[in-house]
Structures are given as structure tokens and as C-alpha cells.
PDB file of N, CA and C in Angstrom:
ATOM      1  N   MET A   1       6.296  -6.633   7.032  1.00  0.00           N
ATOM      2  CA  MET A   1       5.894  -7.770   5.666  1.00  0.00           C
ATOM      3  C   MET A   1       6.873  -8.511   5.437  1.00  0.00           C
ATOM      4  N   THR A   2       6.704 -10.141   5.556  1.00  0.00           N
ATOM      5  CA  THR A   2       7.797 -11.021   5.069  1.00  0.00           C
ATOM      6  C   THR A   2       7.029 -11.592   3.394  1.00  0.00           C
ATOM      7  N   GLY A   3       6.319 -11.226   3.044  1.00  0.00           N
ATOM      8  CA  GLY A   3       5.684 -12.510   2.017  1.00  0.00           C
ATOM      9  C   GLY A   3       5.580 -11.061   0.895  1.00  0.00           C
ATOM     10  N   GLY A   4       4.712 -11.255  -0.111  1.00  0.00           N
ATOM     11  CA  GLY A   4       4.623 -10.866  -1.063  1.00  0.00           C
ATOM     12  C   GLY A   4       4.108  -9.101  -1.481  1.00  0.00           C
ATOM     13  N   LYS A   5       3.956  -8.863  -2.238  1.00  0.00           N
ATOM     14  CA  LYS A   5       3.788  -7.045  -1.863  1.00  0.00           C
ATOM     15  C   LYS A   5       2.094  -7.335  -2.404  1.00  0.00           C
ATOM     16  N   LEU A   6       1.360  -6.435  -1.540  1.00  0.00           N
ATOM     17  CA  LEU A   6      -0.432  -5.969  -1.205  1.00  0.00           C
ATOM     18  C   LEU A   6      -0.829  -5.155  -2.281  1.00  0.00           C
ATOM     19  N   THR A   7      -1.096  -5.829  -3.479  1.00  0.00           N
ATOM     20  CA  THR A   7      -1.474  -4.789  -4.900  1.00  0.00           C
ATOM     21  C   THR A   7      -2.846  -5.293  -4.961  1.00  0.00           C
ATOM     22  N   PHE A   8      -3.556  -4.912  -6.010  1.00  0.00           N
ATOM     23  CA  PHE A   8      -4.711  -5.209  -5.713  1.00  0.00           C
ATOM     24  C   PHE A   8      -4.766  -6.925  -6.729  1.00  0.00           C
ATOM     25  N   GLY A   9      -3.891  -6.898  -8.023  1.00  0.00           N
ATOM     26  CA  GLY A   9      -3.428  -7.882  -8.514  1.00  0.00           C
ATOM     27  C   GLY A   9      -3.580  -9.052  -7.428  1.00  0.00           C
ATOM     28  N   ALA A  10      -2.381  -8.970  -6.779  1.00  0.00           N
ATOM     29  CA  ALA A  10      -2.176 -10.260  -5.774  1.00  0.00           C
ATOM     30  C   ALA A  10      -3.264 -10.486  -5.309  1.00  0.00           C
ATOM     31  N   VAL A  11      -4.556  -9.630  -4.613  1.00  0.00           N
ATOM     32  CA  VAL A  11      -5.256 -10.210  -3.540  1.00  0.00           C
ATOM     33  C   VAL A  11      -6.159 -10.739  -4.861  1.00  0.00           C
ATOM     34  N   LEU A  12      -6.645 -10.469  -6.063  1.00  0.00           N
ATOM     35  CA  LEU A  12      -7.142 -11.117  -6.689  1.00  0.00           C
ATOM     36  C   LEU A  12      -7.143 -12.640  -7.163  1.00  0.00           C
ATOM     37  N   ALA A  13      -5.875 -12.630  -7.351  1.00  0.00           N
ATOM     38  CA  ALA A  13      -4.919 -13.993  -7.889  1.00  0.00           C
ATOM     39  C   ALA A  13      -4.925 -14.736  -6.815  1.00  0.00           C
ATOM     40  N   GLN A  14      -4.716 -14.964  -5.165  1.00  0.00           N
ATOM     41  CA  GLN A  14      -5.692 -15.537  -4.365  1.00  0.00           C
ATOM     42  C   GLN A  14      -6.991 -15.986  -4.408  1.00  0.00           C
ATOM     43  N   LEU A  15      -7.700 -14.887  -4.612  1.00  0.00           N
ATOM     44  CA  LEU A  15      -9.738 -15.331  -4.545  1.00  0.00           C
ATOM     45  C   LEU A  15      -9.065 -16.393  -5.935  1.00  0.00           C
ATOM     46  N   GLU A  16      -8.694 -15.898  -7.103  1.00  0.00           N
ATOM     47  CA  GLU A  16      -9.440 -16.885  -8.294  1.00  0.00           C
ATOM     48  C   GLU A  16      -8.616 -18.392  -7.967  1.00  0.00           C
ATOM     49  N   GLU A  17      -7.197 -18.456  -6.816  1.00  0.00           N
ATOM     50  CA  GLU A  17      -6.845 -19.804  -6.475  1.00  0.00           C
ATOM     51  C   GLU A  17      -7.911 -20.890  -6.173  1.00  0.00           C
ATOM     52  N   ARG A  18      -9.105 -19.610  -5.182  1.00  0.00           N
ATOM     53  CA  ARG A  18      -9.686 -20.891  -4.847  1.00  0.00           C
ATOM     54  C   ARG A  18     -11.015 -21.385  -5.820  1.00  0.00           C
ATOM     55  N   GLU A  19     -11.868 -21.841  -5.241  1.00  0.00           N
ATOM     56  CA  GLU A  19     -12.975 -22.476  -5.758  1.00  0.00           C
ATOM     57  C   GLU A  19     -14.087 -20.998  -6.192  1.00  0.00           C
ATOM     58  N   VAL A  20     -14.540 -21.069  -7.102  1.00  0.00           N
ATOM     59  CA  VAL A  20     -15.413 -20.235  -7.508  1.00  0.00           C
ATOM     60  C   VAL A  20     -15.975 -19.630  -6.593  1.00  0.00           C
ATOM     61  N   ALA A  21     -16.756 -21.102  -5.519  1.00  0.00           N
ATOM     62  CA  ALA A  21     -17.921 -20.032  -4.613  1.00  0.00           C
ATOM     63  C   ALA A  21     -16.619 -19.686  -2.941  1.00  0.00           C
ATOM     64  N   ALA A  22     -15.496 -20.005  -3.287  1.00  0.00           N
ATOM     65  CA  ALA A  22     -14.512 -19.597  -1.679  1.00  0.00           C
ATOM     66  C   ALA A  22     -15.042 -18.579  -1.432  1.00  0.00           C
ATOM     67  N   GLN A  23     -15.154 -18.058  -0.112  1.00  0.00           N
ATOM     68  CA  GLN A  23     -15.260 -16.739   0.210  1.00  0.00           C
ATOM     69  C   GLN A  23     -14.058 -16.803   1.457  1.00  0.00           C
ATOM     70  N   LEU A  24     -13.039 -15.891   1.779  1.00  0.00           N
ATOM     71  CA  LEU A  24     -12.215 -15.500   2.180  1.00  0.00           C
ATOM     72  C   LEU A  24     -12.456 -14.234   3.204  1.00  0.00           C
ATOM     73  N   ARG A  25     -11.605 -14.507   4.106  1.00  0.00           N
ATOM     74  CA  ARG A  25     -11.481 -13.142   5.502  1.00  0.00           C
ATOM     75  C   ARG A  25      -9.950 -12.488   4.866  1.00  0.00           C
ATOM     76  N   ALA A  26     -10.185 -11.332   5.263  1.00  0.00           N
ATOM     77  CA  ALA A  26      -8.447 -10.431   5.082  1.00  0.00           C
ATOM     78  C   ALA A  26      -7.634 -11.095   5.757  1.00  0.00           C
ATOM     79  N   ARG A  27      -7.231 -11.900   6.675  1.00  0.00           N
ATOM     80  CA  ARG A  27      -6.696 -12.504   7.662  1.00  0.00           C
ATOM     81  C   ARG A  27      -6.205 -13.567   6.355  1.00  0.00           C
ATOM     82  N   GLN A  28      -7.122 -14.627   5.961  1.00  0.00           N
ATOM     83  CA  GLN A  28      -6.722 -16.026   5.152  1.00  0.00           C
ATOM     84  C   GLN A  28      -6.042 -15.208   4.183  1.00  0.00           C
ATOM     85  N   VAL A  29      -6.312 -14.371   3.164  1.00  0.00           N
ATOM     86  CA  VAL A  29      -5.674 -13.432   2.245  1.00  0.00           C
ATOM     87  C   VAL A  29      -4.192 -13.121   2.235  1.00  0.00           C
ATOM     88  N   CYS A  30      -3.869 -12.662   3.678  1.00  0.00           N
ATOM     89  CA  CYS A  30      -2.929 -12.211   4.548  1.00  0.00           C
ATOM     90  C   CYS A  30      -2.099 -13.524   4.343  1.00  0.00           C
ATOM     91  N   GLU A  31      -2.003 -14.303   5.149  1.00  0.00           N
ATOM     92  CA  GLU A  31      -1.418 -15.992   4.907  1.00  0.00           C
ATOM     93  C   GLU A  31      -1.596 -16.430   3.912  1.00  0.00           C
ATOM     94  N   ALA A  32      -2.609 -16.662   2.690  1.00  0.00           N
ATOM     95  CA  ALA A  32      -2.147 -16.937   1.551  1.00  0.00           C
ATOM     96  C   ALA A  32      -0.913 -16.082   0.450  1.00  0.00           C
ATOM     97  N   MET A  33      -0.685 -15.094   1.022  1.00  0.00           N
ATOM     98  CA  MET A  33      -0.116 -13.949   0.488  1.00  0.00           C
ATOM     99  C   MET A  33       1.447 -14.176   1.041  1.00  0.00           C
ATOM    100  N   ASP A  34       1.488 -15.131   2.168  1.00  0.00           N
ATOM    101  CA  ASP A  34       2.659 -15.007   2.911  1.00  0.00           C
ATOM    102  C   ASP A  34       2.871 -13.712   3.244  1.00  0.00           C
ATOM    103  N   LEU A  35       2.193 -12.600   3.589  1.00  0.00           N
ATOM    104  CA  LEU A  35       1.994 -11.841   4.774  1.00  0.00           C
ATOM    105  C   LEU A  35       2.296 -12.376   5.991  1.00  0.00           C
ATOM    106  N   GLU A  36       3.136 -11.453   7.076  1.00  0.00           N
ATOM    107  CA  GLU A  36       2.932 -11.855   8.348  1.00  0.00           C
ATOM    108  C   GLU A  36       1.553 -11.127   9.018  1.00  0.00           C
ATOM    109  N   VAL A  37       0.721 -12.079   9.364  1.00  0.00           N
ATOM    110  CA  VAL A  37      -0.505 -11.826   9.895  1.00  0.00           C
ATOM    111  C   VAL A  37      -0.560 -11.005  11.300  1.00  0.00           C
ATOM    112  N   ALA A  38      -0.025  -9.689  10.830  1.00  0.00           N
ATOM    113  CA  ALA A  38      -0.226  -8.371  12.225  1.00  0.00           C
ATOM    114  C   ALA A  38      -1.647  -7.706  11.504  1.00  0.00           C
ATOM    115  N   PRO A  39      -1.878  -6.692  12.766  1.00  0.00           N
ATOM    116  CA  PRO A  39      -3.104  -6.149  12.387  1.00  0.00           C
ATOM    117  C   PRO A  39      -3.086  -5.239  11.313  1.00  0.00           C
ATOM    118  N   ASN A  40      -1.726  -4.661  11.095  1.00  0.00           N
ATOM    119  CA  ASN A  40      -1.451  -3.340  10.043  1.00  0.00           C
ATOM    120  C   ASN A  40      -1.525  -4.136   8.754  1.00  0.00           C
ATOM    121  N   ASN A  41      -1.065  -5.590   8.875  1.00  0.00           N
ATOM    122  CA  ASN A  41      -1.039  -5.996   7.255  1.00  0.00           C
ATOM    123  C   ASN A  41      -2.711  -6.457   6.593  1.00  0.00           C
ATOM    124  N   ILE A  42      -3.685  -6.885   7.871  1.00  0.00           N
ATOM    125  CA  ILE A  42      -4.927  -7.789   8.407  1.00  0.00           C
ATOM    126  C   ILE A  42      -5.763  -6.267   7.751  1.00  0.00           C
ATOM    127  N   ASP A  43      -5.411  -5.388   8.675  1.00  0.00           N
ATOM    128  CA  ASP A  43      -6.528  -3.865   8.069  1.00  0.00           C
ATOM    129  C   ASP A  43      -6.197  -3.293   6.409  1.00  0.00           C
ATOM    130  N   ASN A  44      -4.789  -3.686   5.926  1.00  0.00           N
ATOM    131  CA  ASN A  44      -4.485  -3.033   4.698  1.00  0.00           C
ATOM    132  C   ASN A  44      -5.263  -4.063   3.785  1.00  0.00           C
ATOM    133  N   THR A  45      -5.223  -5.345   4.266  1.00  0.00           N
ATOM    134  CA  THR A  45      -5.658  -6.166   3.154  1.00  0.00           C
ATOM    135  C   THR A  45      -7.405  -5.822   3.012  1.00  0.00           C
ATOM    136  N   ARG A  46      -8.021  -5.827   3.892  1.00  0.00           N
ATOM    137  CA  ARG A  46      -8.910  -5.412   4.204  1.00  0.00           C
ATOM    138  C   ARG A  46      -9.518  -3.993   3.580  1.00  0.00           C
ATOM    139  N   LEU A  47      -9.365  -3.536   3.709  1.00  0.00           N
ATOM    140  CA  LEU A  47      -8.894  -2.220   2.899  1.00  0.00           C
ATOM    141  C   LEU A  47      -8.729  -2.222   1.010  1.00  0.00           C
ATOM    142  N   LYS A  48      -8.331  -3.363   0.946  1.00  0.00           N
ATOM    143  CA  LYS A  48      -8.008  -3.691  -0.677  1.00  0.00           C
ATOM    144  C   LYS A  48      -9.406  -4.175  -0.826  1.00  0.00           C
ATOM    145  N   LEU A  49      -9.701  -5.917   0.127  1.00  0.00           N
ATOM    146  CA  LEU A  49     -10.887  -5.890  -0.377  1.00  0.00           C
ATOM    147  C   LEU A  49     -12.232  -5.449  -0.523  1.00  0.00           C
ATOM    148  N   ASN A  50     -12.383  -4.131  -0.007  1.00  0.00           N
ATOM    149  CA  ASN A  50     -13.475  -3.137   0.313  1.00  0.00           C
ATOM    150  C   ASN A  50     -13.038  -2.790  -1.143  1.00  0.00           C
ATOM    151  N   GLN A  51     -12.131  -1.980  -0.744  1.00  0.00           N
ATOM    152  CA  GLN A  51     -12.110  -1.364  -2.620  1.00  0.00           C
ATOM    153  C   GLN A  51     -12.716  -1.853  -3.646  1.00  0.00           C
ATOM    154  N   LEU A  52     -12.305  -3.294  -3.894  1.00  0.00           N
ATOM    155  CA  LEU A  52     -12.462  -3.905  -4.756  1.00  0.00           C
ATOM    156  C   LEU A  52     -14.046  -4.587  -4.608  1.00  0.00           C
ATOM    157  N   THR A  53     -15.236  -4.475  -3.506  1.00  0.00           N
ATOM    158  CA  THR A  53     -15.926  -4.773  -3.618  1.00  0.00           C
ATOM    159  C   THR A  53     -16.669  -3.413  -3.575  1.00  0.00           C
ATOM    160  N   ASP A  54     -16.067  -2.329  -3.796  1.00  0.00           N
ATOM    161  CA  ASP A  54     -16.621  -1.079  -4.392  1.00  0.00           C
ATOM    162  C   ASP A  54     -16.611  -0.832  -5.304  1.00  0.00           C
ATOM    163  N   ARG A  55     -15.711  -1.547  -6.279  1.00  0.00           N
ATOM    164  CA  ARG A  55     -15.455  -1.481  -7.634  1.00  0.00           C
ATOM    165  C   ARG A  55     -16.369  -2.499  -8.471  1.00  0.00           C
ATOM    166  N   GLY A  56     -17.259  -3.422  -7.942  1.00  0.00           N
ATOM    167  CA  GLY A  56     -17.885  -4.632  -7.614  1.00  0.00           C
ATOM    168  C   GLY A  56     -17.041  -5.637  -8.670  1.00  0.00           C
ATOM    169  N   ILE A  57     -15.492  -5.965  -8.279  1.00  0.00           N
ATOM    170  CA  ILE A  57     -15.234  -7.187  -8.392  1.00  0.00           C
ATOM    171  C   ILE A  57     -15.488  -7.890  -7.673  1.00  0.00           C
ATOM    172  N   LEU A  58     -15.889  -7.765  -6.352  1.00  0.00           N
ATOM    173  CA  LEU A  58     -15.705  -8.846  -5.184  1.00  0.00           C
ATOM    174  C   LEU A  58     -17.527  -8.326  -4.584  1.00  0.00           C
ATOM    175  N   VAL A  59     -17.288  -9.429  -4.029  1.00  0.00           N
ATOM    176  CA  VAL A  59     -18.829  -9.100  -3.105  1.00  0.00           C
ATOM    177  C   VAL A  59     -18.637  -9.536  -1.515  1.00  0.00           C
ATOM    178  N   GLU A  60     -19.109  -9.095  -0.964  1.00  0.00           N
ATOM    179  CA  GLU A  60     -18.915  -8.884   0.647  1.00  0.00           C
ATOM    180  C   GLU A  60     -20.443  -9.846   0.832  1.00  0.00           C
ATOM    181  N   THR A  61     -20.141 -10.993   0.818  1.00  0.00           N
ATOM    182  CA  THR A  61     -21.428 -11.885   1.376  1.00  0.00           C
ATOM    183  C   THR A  61     -21.766 -11.726   2.707  1.00  0.00           C
ATOM    184  N   ALA A  62     -21.086 -11.509   3.778  1.00  0.00           N
ATOM    185  CA  ALA A  62     -21.394 -11.513   5.320  1.00  0.00           C
ATOM    186  C   ALA A  62     -20.182 -10.276   5.384  1.00  0.00           C
ATOM    187  N   GLN A  63     -20.444  -9.739   6.800  1.00  0.00           N
ATOM    188  CA  GLN A  63     -19.304  -8.882   7.121  1.00  0.00           C
ATOM    189  C   GLN A  63     -18.260  -9.274   7.275  1.00  0.00           C
ATOM    190  N   GLY A  64     -17.078  -8.990   6.657  1.00  0.00           N
ATOM    191  CA  GLY A  64     -15.814  -9.354   6.497  1.00  0.00           C
ATOM    192  C   GLY A  64     -15.695 -10.757   5.516  1.00  0.00           C
ATOM    193  N   LEU A  65     -16.388 -11.278   5.294  1.00  0.00           N
ATOM    194  CA  LEU A  65     -16.506 -12.440   4.199  1.00  0.00           C
ATOM    195  C   LEU A  65     -16.237 -11.805   2.760  1.00  0.00           C
ATOM    196  N   PHE A  66     -15.231 -12.253   2.012  1.00  0.00           N
ATOM    197  CA  PHE A  66     -15.211 -11.615   0.592  1.00  0.00           C
ATOM    198  C   PHE A  66     -15.447 -12.722  -0.150  1.00  0.00           C
ATOM    199  N   ALA A  67     -16.155 -12.876  -1.127  1.00  0.00           N
ATOM    200  CA  ALA A  67     -15.995 -13.614  -2.621  1.00  0.00           C
ATOM    201  C   ALA A  67     -15.830 -13.023  -3.973  1.00  0.00           C
TER     202      ALA A  67
END
């Protein structure tokens, strides 16, 4: 990992920086957080995004696409 720490707050901050209607994939969140775009980081980010979706904080508008 070369960039920021992967936390719920960091993931939400990246989504909030985009337009309200923006939809992001896990890879795009990694890139925005300056994380190495590696399978492990993408999987961990996707896990965080899915957990935020389960908690009702995010919505998965299509498979792998979060808003």
C-alpha cells in the first residue's frame, strides 16, 4: 500500500468529493486514495464498499458500482 489508510471514513470521503450522483468502482476508489492498484487492495476496498452498502450508507446501483 503506497497511499492512504483504507478506512470507512476514507472511502466515504472519496465518494463525497464526487458529485452526488457519481458512481464509483472499487478500483476508482483505490486510485483516488493513492493506493496501489493491486488485486488485494481492490478486493479490500470492494469489501469496505459492500459493508457500507449493507449498513445502508451506500447503494450498489449495478454490480460493482457504488454511489
